[in-house]
N, C-alpha and C. Protein backbone atom coordinates (compact mmCIF):
# COMPACT_ATOMS: atom_id res chain seq x y z
N UNK A 1 -133.73 -88.61 31.76
CA UNK A 1 -132.51 -88.83 31.00
C UNK A 1 -131.28 -88.47 31.83
N UNK A 2 -131.38 -87.43 32.61
CA UNK A 2 -130.25 -87.02 33.44
C UNK A 2 -129.97 -88.05 34.53
N UNK A 3 -131.01 -88.63 35.09
CA UNK A 3 -130.82 -89.69 36.10
C UNK A 3 -130.05 -90.87 35.52
N UNK A 4 -130.35 -91.23 34.30
CA UNK A 4 -129.69 -92.37 33.66
C UNK A 4 -128.22 -92.07 33.37
N UNK A 5 -127.89 -90.80 33.22
CA UNK A 5 -126.54 -90.38 32.86
C UNK A 5 -125.67 -90.09 34.08
N UNK A 6 -126.28 -89.64 35.16
CA UNK A 6 -125.53 -89.21 36.35
C UNK A 6 -124.78 -90.38 36.98
N UNK A 7 -123.57 -90.12 37.46
CA UNK A 7 -122.82 -91.18 38.15
C UNK A 7 -123.46 -91.51 39.50
N UNK A 8 -123.07 -92.62 40.07
CA UNK A 8 -123.63 -93.06 41.34
C UNK A 8 -123.31 -92.12 42.50
N UNK A 9 -122.35 -91.25 42.30
CA UNK A 9 -121.96 -90.32 43.36
C UNK A 9 -122.90 -89.12 43.46
N UNK A 10 -123.83 -89.00 42.49
CA UNK A 10 -124.77 -87.87 42.47
C UNK A 10 -126.21 -88.37 42.43
N UNK A 11 -127.11 -87.53 42.96
CA UNK A 11 -128.54 -87.82 42.90
C UNK A 11 -129.25 -86.62 42.28
N UNK A 12 -130.18 -86.90 41.39
CA UNK A 12 -131.00 -85.86 40.75
C UNK A 12 -132.21 -85.62 41.64
N UNK A 13 -132.46 -84.37 41.97
CA UNK A 13 -133.62 -84.01 42.79
C UNK A 13 -134.39 -82.90 42.10
N UNK A 14 -135.70 -82.92 42.26
CA UNK A 14 -136.56 -81.84 41.76
C UNK A 14 -137.52 -81.48 42.88
N UNK A 15 -138.16 -80.33 42.71
CA UNK A 15 -139.08 -79.83 43.73
C UNK A 15 -138.42 -79.76 45.10
N UNK A 16 -137.22 -79.24 45.09
CA UNK A 16 -136.47 -79.05 46.32
C UNK A 16 -135.72 -77.72 46.23
N UNK A 17 -135.41 -77.15 47.35
CA UNK A 17 -134.70 -75.87 47.34
C UNK A 17 -133.24 -76.08 47.72
N UNK A 18 -132.44 -75.06 47.42
CA UNK A 18 -131.03 -75.07 47.76
C UNK A 18 -130.78 -73.89 48.69
N UNK A 19 -130.35 -74.20 49.89
CA UNK A 19 -130.09 -73.14 50.87
C UNK A 19 -128.72 -72.53 50.59
N UNK A 20 -128.74 -71.30 50.06
CA UNK A 20 -127.52 -70.62 49.68
C UNK A 20 -126.92 -69.84 50.85
N UNK A 21 -127.81 -69.28 51.65
CA UNK A 21 -127.43 -68.54 52.85
C UNK A 21 -128.68 -68.41 53.71
N UNK A 22 -128.62 -67.65 54.78
CA UNK A 22 -129.78 -67.54 55.69
C UNK A 22 -131.01 -66.93 55.02
N UNK A 23 -130.81 -66.12 54.00
CA UNK A 23 -131.94 -65.39 53.40
C UNK A 23 -132.36 -65.88 52.02
N UNK A 24 -131.54 -66.71 51.40
CA UNK A 24 -131.83 -67.13 50.03
C UNK A 24 -131.91 -68.65 49.93
N UNK A 25 -133.07 -69.10 49.46
CA UNK A 25 -133.30 -70.54 49.28
C UNK A 25 -134.11 -70.76 48.01
N UNK A 26 -133.49 -70.53 46.83
CA UNK A 26 -134.22 -70.71 45.58
C UNK A 26 -134.52 -72.19 45.31
N UNK A 27 -135.46 -72.40 44.42
CA UNK A 27 -135.84 -73.75 44.04
C UNK A 27 -135.59 -73.94 42.55
N UNK A 28 -134.41 -74.50 42.20
CA UNK A 28 -134.16 -74.78 40.79
C UNK A 28 -135.08 -75.90 40.30
N UNK A 29 -135.22 -76.01 39.00
CA UNK A 29 -136.07 -77.07 38.46
C UNK A 29 -135.47 -78.45 38.72
N UNK A 30 -134.16 -78.54 38.65
CA UNK A 30 -133.43 -79.76 39.00
C UNK A 30 -132.18 -79.36 39.75
N UNK A 31 -131.76 -80.22 40.65
CA UNK A 31 -130.48 -80.03 41.32
C UNK A 31 -129.82 -81.40 41.46
N UNK A 32 -128.54 -81.46 41.15
CA UNK A 32 -127.79 -82.68 41.37
C UNK A 32 -126.96 -82.48 42.62
N UNK A 33 -127.19 -83.35 43.59
CA UNK A 33 -126.51 -83.25 44.87
C UNK A 33 -125.64 -84.47 45.08
N UNK A 34 -124.67 -84.32 45.95
CA UNK A 34 -123.81 -85.45 46.29
C UNK A 34 -124.65 -86.55 46.93
N UNK A 35 -124.38 -87.78 46.56
CA UNK A 35 -125.18 -88.93 47.03
C UNK A 35 -125.18 -89.02 48.55
N UNK A 36 -124.07 -88.73 49.18
CA UNK A 36 -124.02 -88.83 50.65
C UNK A 36 -124.92 -87.78 51.30
N UNK A 37 -125.06 -86.63 50.69
CA UNK A 37 -125.97 -85.60 51.22
C UNK A 37 -127.42 -86.03 51.05
N UNK A 38 -127.72 -86.64 49.90
CA UNK A 38 -129.08 -87.11 49.65
C UNK A 38 -129.45 -88.21 50.63
N UNK A 39 -128.50 -89.09 50.94
CA UNK A 39 -128.77 -90.19 51.88
C UNK A 39 -128.94 -89.68 53.31
N UNK A 40 -128.18 -88.64 53.66
CA UNK A 40 -128.20 -88.13 55.02
C UNK A 40 -129.29 -87.10 55.27
N UNK A 41 -129.94 -86.63 54.22
CA UNK A 41 -130.91 -85.54 54.36
C UNK A 41 -132.14 -86.00 55.14
N UNK A 42 -132.38 -85.33 56.24
CA UNK A 42 -133.59 -85.59 57.02
C UNK A 42 -134.77 -84.89 56.36
N UNK A 43 -134.47 -83.78 55.70
CA UNK A 43 -135.49 -82.97 55.04
C UNK A 43 -135.16 -82.92 53.55
N UNK A 44 -135.82 -83.72 52.75
CA UNK A 44 -135.53 -83.78 51.32
C UNK A 44 -136.13 -82.63 50.53
N UNK A 45 -136.67 -81.63 51.23
CA UNK A 45 -137.20 -80.47 50.52
C UNK A 45 -136.14 -79.38 50.37
N UNK A 46 -134.96 -79.60 50.96
CA UNK A 46 -133.88 -78.63 50.79
C UNK A 46 -132.52 -79.28 51.00
N UNK A 47 -131.55 -78.70 50.31
CA UNK A 47 -130.16 -79.15 50.43
C UNK A 47 -129.29 -77.92 50.60
N UNK A 48 -128.12 -78.12 51.14
CA UNK A 48 -127.16 -77.04 51.31
C UNK A 48 -126.43 -76.79 49.99
N UNK A 49 -126.05 -75.55 49.75
CA UNK A 49 -125.33 -75.20 48.52
C UNK A 49 -124.05 -76.02 48.37
N UNK A 50 -123.38 -76.31 49.47
CA UNK A 50 -122.13 -77.08 49.42
C UNK A 50 -122.35 -78.49 48.88
N UNK A 51 -123.57 -79.00 48.94
CA UNK A 51 -123.87 -80.34 48.46
C UNK A 51 -124.34 -80.36 47.01
N UNK A 52 -124.60 -79.20 46.45
CA UNK A 52 -125.07 -79.10 45.06
C UNK A 52 -123.89 -79.05 44.11
N UNK A 53 -123.94 -79.86 43.08
CA UNK A 53 -122.90 -79.89 42.06
C UNK A 53 -123.37 -79.19 40.79
N UNK A 54 -124.67 -79.32 40.51
CA UNK A 54 -125.25 -78.73 39.31
C UNK A 54 -126.68 -78.31 39.60
N UNK A 55 -127.04 -77.10 39.20
CA UNK A 55 -128.42 -76.65 39.26
C UNK A 55 -128.90 -76.41 37.84
N UNK A 56 -130.18 -76.73 37.60
CA UNK A 56 -130.77 -76.56 36.28
C UNK A 56 -132.03 -75.71 36.44
N UNK A 57 -132.08 -74.60 35.75
CA UNK A 57 -133.26 -73.74 35.77
C UNK A 57 -133.85 -73.68 34.37
N UNK A 58 -135.15 -73.91 34.29
CA UNK A 58 -135.89 -73.81 33.03
C UNK A 58 -136.58 -72.45 33.03
N UNK A 59 -136.22 -71.62 32.06
CA UNK A 59 -136.74 -70.26 31.99
C UNK A 59 -138.15 -70.28 31.43
N UNK A 60 -139.04 -69.60 32.14
CA UNK A 60 -140.41 -69.43 31.66
C UNK A 60 -140.69 -67.93 31.62
N UNK A 61 -141.76 -67.51 30.94
CA UNK A 61 -142.03 -66.07 30.83
C UNK A 61 -142.11 -65.35 32.18
N UNK A 62 -142.60 -66.00 33.20
CA UNK A 62 -142.72 -65.32 34.50
C UNK A 62 -141.45 -65.41 35.34
N UNK A 63 -140.40 -66.08 34.84
CA UNK A 63 -139.17 -66.17 35.63
C UNK A 63 -137.92 -65.74 34.87
N UNK A 64 -138.09 -65.11 33.71
CA UNK A 64 -136.95 -64.75 32.87
C UNK A 64 -135.88 -63.95 33.61
N UNK A 65 -136.27 -62.86 34.19
CA UNK A 65 -135.32 -61.98 34.88
C UNK A 65 -134.61 -62.73 36.01
N UNK A 66 -135.35 -63.41 36.78
CA UNK A 66 -134.81 -64.14 37.94
C UNK A 66 -133.88 -65.27 37.48
N UNK A 67 -134.31 -66.07 36.49
CA UNK A 67 -133.51 -67.21 36.05
C UNK A 67 -132.27 -66.81 35.25
N UNK A 68 -132.34 -65.71 34.54
CA UNK A 68 -131.21 -65.29 33.71
C UNK A 68 -130.19 -64.44 34.46
N UNK A 69 -130.63 -63.70 35.46
CA UNK A 69 -129.73 -62.76 36.12
C UNK A 69 -129.50 -63.03 37.60
N UNK A 70 -130.56 -62.99 38.38
CA UNK A 70 -130.40 -63.04 39.84
C UNK A 70 -129.95 -64.40 40.36
N UNK A 71 -130.63 -65.47 39.93
CA UNK A 71 -130.28 -66.79 40.45
C UNK A 71 -128.85 -67.20 40.09
N UNK A 72 -128.37 -66.96 38.86
CA UNK A 72 -126.96 -67.30 38.60
C UNK A 72 -125.98 -66.57 39.51
N UNK A 73 -126.25 -65.32 39.82
CA UNK A 73 -125.39 -64.58 40.74
C UNK A 73 -125.37 -65.25 42.12
N UNK A 74 -126.55 -65.60 42.59
CA UNK A 74 -126.66 -66.23 43.91
C UNK A 74 -125.99 -67.61 43.93
N UNK A 75 -126.23 -68.41 42.91
CA UNK A 75 -125.62 -69.75 42.85
C UNK A 75 -124.09 -69.65 42.82
N UNK A 76 -123.57 -68.74 42.00
CA UNK A 76 -122.12 -68.59 41.89
C UNK A 76 -121.52 -68.13 43.21
N UNK A 77 -122.15 -67.15 43.83
CA UNK A 77 -121.65 -66.65 45.12
C UNK A 77 -121.63 -67.75 46.17
N UNK A 78 -122.61 -68.67 46.10
CA UNK A 78 -122.69 -69.77 47.06
C UNK A 78 -121.71 -70.89 46.74
N UNK A 79 -121.04 -70.82 45.58
CA UNK A 79 -120.01 -71.80 45.24
C UNK A 79 -120.49 -73.02 44.48
N UNK A 80 -121.69 -72.99 43.92
CA UNK A 80 -122.18 -74.14 43.15
C UNK A 80 -121.40 -74.18 41.82
N UNK A 81 -120.72 -75.29 41.55
CA UNK A 81 -119.80 -75.32 40.41
C UNK A 81 -120.42 -75.24 39.02
N UNK A 82 -121.64 -75.76 38.84
CA UNK A 82 -122.20 -75.84 37.49
C UNK A 82 -123.65 -75.38 37.46
N UNK A 83 -124.00 -74.72 36.36
CA UNK A 83 -125.36 -74.22 36.14
C UNK A 83 -125.74 -74.49 34.70
N UNK A 84 -126.94 -75.02 34.52
CA UNK A 84 -127.52 -75.13 33.17
C UNK A 84 -128.79 -74.31 33.16
N UNK A 85 -128.93 -73.46 32.15
CA UNK A 85 -130.16 -72.69 31.96
C UNK A 85 -130.82 -73.19 30.69
N UNK A 86 -132.04 -73.65 30.82
CA UNK A 86 -132.77 -74.22 29.69
C UNK A 86 -133.80 -73.21 29.21
N UNK A 87 -133.76 -72.92 27.91
CA UNK A 87 -134.69 -71.98 27.32
C UNK A 87 -135.37 -72.62 26.12
N UNK A 88 -136.48 -72.04 25.72
CA UNK A 88 -137.19 -72.53 24.54
C UNK A 88 -136.45 -72.05 23.30
N UNK A 89 -136.16 -72.99 22.42
CA UNK A 89 -135.50 -72.66 21.18
C UNK A 89 -136.49 -72.67 20.03
N UNK A 90 -136.00 -72.95 18.84
CA UNK A 90 -136.86 -73.04 17.66
C UNK A 90 -137.85 -74.19 17.82
N UNK A 91 -139.09 -73.92 17.47
CA UNK A 91 -140.10 -74.97 17.62
C UNK A 91 -140.25 -75.34 19.08
N UNK A 92 -140.21 -76.61 19.37
CA UNK A 92 -140.34 -77.07 20.75
C UNK A 92 -139.00 -77.49 21.34
N UNK A 93 -137.92 -77.40 20.56
CA UNK A 93 -136.64 -77.87 21.04
C UNK A 93 -136.06 -76.96 22.11
N UNK A 94 -135.59 -77.54 23.21
CA UNK A 94 -134.95 -76.72 24.23
C UNK A 94 -133.51 -76.36 23.82
N UNK A 95 -133.03 -75.27 24.34
CA UNK A 95 -131.65 -74.85 24.19
C UNK A 95 -131.06 -74.81 25.60
N UNK A 96 -129.91 -75.47 25.77
CA UNK A 96 -129.29 -75.53 27.09
C UNK A 96 -128.02 -74.68 27.09
N UNK A 97 -128.01 -73.68 27.97
CA UNK A 97 -126.85 -72.81 28.17
C UNK A 97 -126.09 -73.39 29.35
N UNK A 98 -124.84 -73.76 29.14
CA UNK A 98 -124.04 -74.44 30.15
C UNK A 98 -122.99 -73.48 30.70
N UNK A 99 -122.93 -73.40 32.03
CA UNK A 99 -122.00 -72.50 32.71
C UNK A 99 -121.18 -73.27 33.73
N UNK A 100 -119.95 -72.81 33.91
CA UNK A 100 -119.07 -73.37 34.94
C UNK A 100 -118.54 -72.21 35.78
N UNK A 101 -118.47 -72.43 37.07
CA UNK A 101 -117.98 -71.38 37.98
C UNK A 101 -116.47 -71.30 37.88
N UNK A 102 -115.99 -70.09 37.64
CA UNK A 102 -114.56 -69.85 37.55
C UNK A 102 -114.07 -69.52 38.96
N UNK A 103 -113.21 -70.35 39.54
CA UNK A 103 -112.84 -70.18 40.95
C UNK A 103 -112.18 -68.84 41.30
N UNK A 104 -111.38 -68.30 40.40
CA UNK A 104 -110.66 -67.06 40.72
C UNK A 104 -111.60 -65.87 40.86
N UNK A 105 -112.63 -65.82 40.03
CA UNK A 105 -113.55 -64.68 40.07
C UNK A 105 -114.83 -64.99 40.83
N UNK A 106 -115.13 -66.29 40.99
CA UNK A 106 -116.37 -66.67 41.68
C UNK A 106 -117.62 -66.42 40.85
N UNK A 107 -117.45 -66.29 39.53
CA UNK A 107 -118.59 -66.05 38.64
C UNK A 107 -118.67 -67.18 37.61
N UNK A 108 -119.82 -67.28 36.97
CA UNK A 108 -119.99 -68.30 35.94
C UNK A 108 -119.47 -67.79 34.61
N UNK A 109 -118.88 -68.71 33.86
CA UNK A 109 -118.49 -68.44 32.48
C UNK A 109 -119.24 -69.45 31.61
N UNK A 110 -119.67 -68.99 30.44
CA UNK A 110 -120.37 -69.87 29.51
C UNK A 110 -119.37 -70.84 28.90
N UNK A 111 -119.73 -72.11 28.91
CA UNK A 111 -118.85 -73.10 28.27
C UNK A 111 -119.54 -73.77 27.08
N UNK A 112 -120.80 -73.38 26.82
CA UNK A 112 -121.46 -73.92 25.64
C UNK A 112 -122.93 -73.60 25.59
N UNK A 113 -123.43 -73.57 24.36
CA UNK A 113 -124.86 -73.44 24.10
C UNK A 113 -125.22 -74.63 23.23
N UNK A 114 -126.13 -75.46 23.72
CA UNK A 114 -126.44 -76.72 23.06
C UNK A 114 -127.86 -76.72 22.53
N UNK A 115 -127.99 -76.96 21.22
CA UNK A 115 -129.29 -76.91 20.56
C UNK A 115 -129.93 -78.28 20.36
N UNK A 116 -129.21 -79.25 19.90
CA UNK A 116 -129.81 -80.58 19.76
C UNK A 116 -129.07 -81.57 20.62
N UNK A 117 -127.83 -81.91 20.31
CA UNK A 117 -127.19 -82.79 21.28
C UNK A 117 -126.64 -81.95 22.43
N UNK A 118 -126.89 -82.39 23.63
CA UNK A 118 -126.27 -81.80 24.82
C UNK A 118 -125.14 -82.74 25.18
N UNK A 119 -123.93 -82.33 24.84
CA UNK A 119 -122.78 -83.19 25.06
C UNK A 119 -121.73 -82.38 25.81
N UNK A 120 -121.52 -82.76 27.08
CA UNK A 120 -120.54 -82.09 27.93
C UNK A 120 -119.74 -83.14 28.69
N UNK A 121 -118.60 -82.72 29.21
CA UNK A 121 -117.77 -83.64 30.00
C UNK A 121 -117.77 -83.29 31.49
N UNK A 122 -118.27 -82.12 31.84
CA UNK A 122 -118.32 -81.72 33.25
C UNK A 122 -119.74 -81.27 33.61
N UNK A 123 -120.23 -81.52 34.78
CA UNK A 123 -119.56 -82.16 35.91
C UNK A 123 -119.40 -83.66 35.76
N UNK A 124 -119.96 -84.25 34.70
CA UNK A 124 -119.77 -85.65 34.34
C UNK A 124 -120.13 -85.77 32.87
N UNK A 125 -119.82 -86.89 32.28
CA UNK A 125 -120.10 -87.06 30.85
C UNK A 125 -121.60 -87.15 30.60
N UNK A 126 -122.10 -86.24 29.76
CA UNK A 126 -123.51 -86.20 29.41
C UNK A 126 -123.60 -86.15 27.88
N UNK A 127 -124.47 -86.99 27.33
CA UNK A 127 -124.74 -86.99 25.90
C UNK A 127 -126.23 -87.27 25.74
N UNK A 128 -127.01 -86.19 25.66
CA UNK A 128 -128.47 -86.30 25.59
C UNK A 128 -128.96 -85.66 24.30
N UNK A 129 -129.85 -86.36 23.63
CA UNK A 129 -130.50 -85.83 22.43
C UNK A 129 -131.67 -84.97 22.88
N UNK A 130 -131.53 -83.65 22.77
CA UNK A 130 -132.57 -82.74 23.24
C UNK A 130 -133.87 -82.87 22.47
N UNK A 131 -133.83 -83.40 21.26
CA UNK A 131 -135.07 -83.60 20.52
C UNK A 131 -135.93 -84.66 21.19
N UNK A 132 -135.31 -85.57 21.95
CA UNK A 132 -136.07 -86.57 22.71
C UNK A 132 -136.90 -85.90 23.81
N UNK A 133 -136.33 -84.89 24.42
CA UNK A 133 -137.04 -84.16 25.49
C UNK A 133 -138.25 -83.46 24.91
N UNK A 134 -138.11 -82.90 23.72
CA UNK A 134 -139.22 -82.18 23.10
C UNK A 134 -140.39 -83.10 22.80
N UNK A 135 -140.12 -84.37 22.65
CA UNK A 135 -141.20 -85.33 22.36
C UNK A 135 -141.96 -85.75 23.60
N UNK A 136 -141.41 -85.48 24.77
CA UNK A 136 -142.06 -85.90 26.02
C UNK A 136 -143.29 -85.06 26.33
């Protein structure tokens, strides 16, 4: 669904890492990178933080601490503008926590918690029915 929504200037990638610095290379569940970086990448298993526009982490029981606390700090420090954290909500429906990096502080601020429709305007217009994802 995200691929269908993303503009041509971005590419959705999964099973790839984001090189934040020499010592940190986390692997978000999804990352949206600039199309020119995706085209130029010799190694599609990793991208530079400067090429990432949005990272998406799906929280699971074995990654709660890392996905909720440590990774957002690392992503923000590396300058990635947008973060979505997906958690299990009521029943099988996902809940998407949407964050935007505030340039003055270099930290993420919450801009929304989405339970059924995920409707945002940044980093691009997205309108996804989360109940559709639960059916997959």
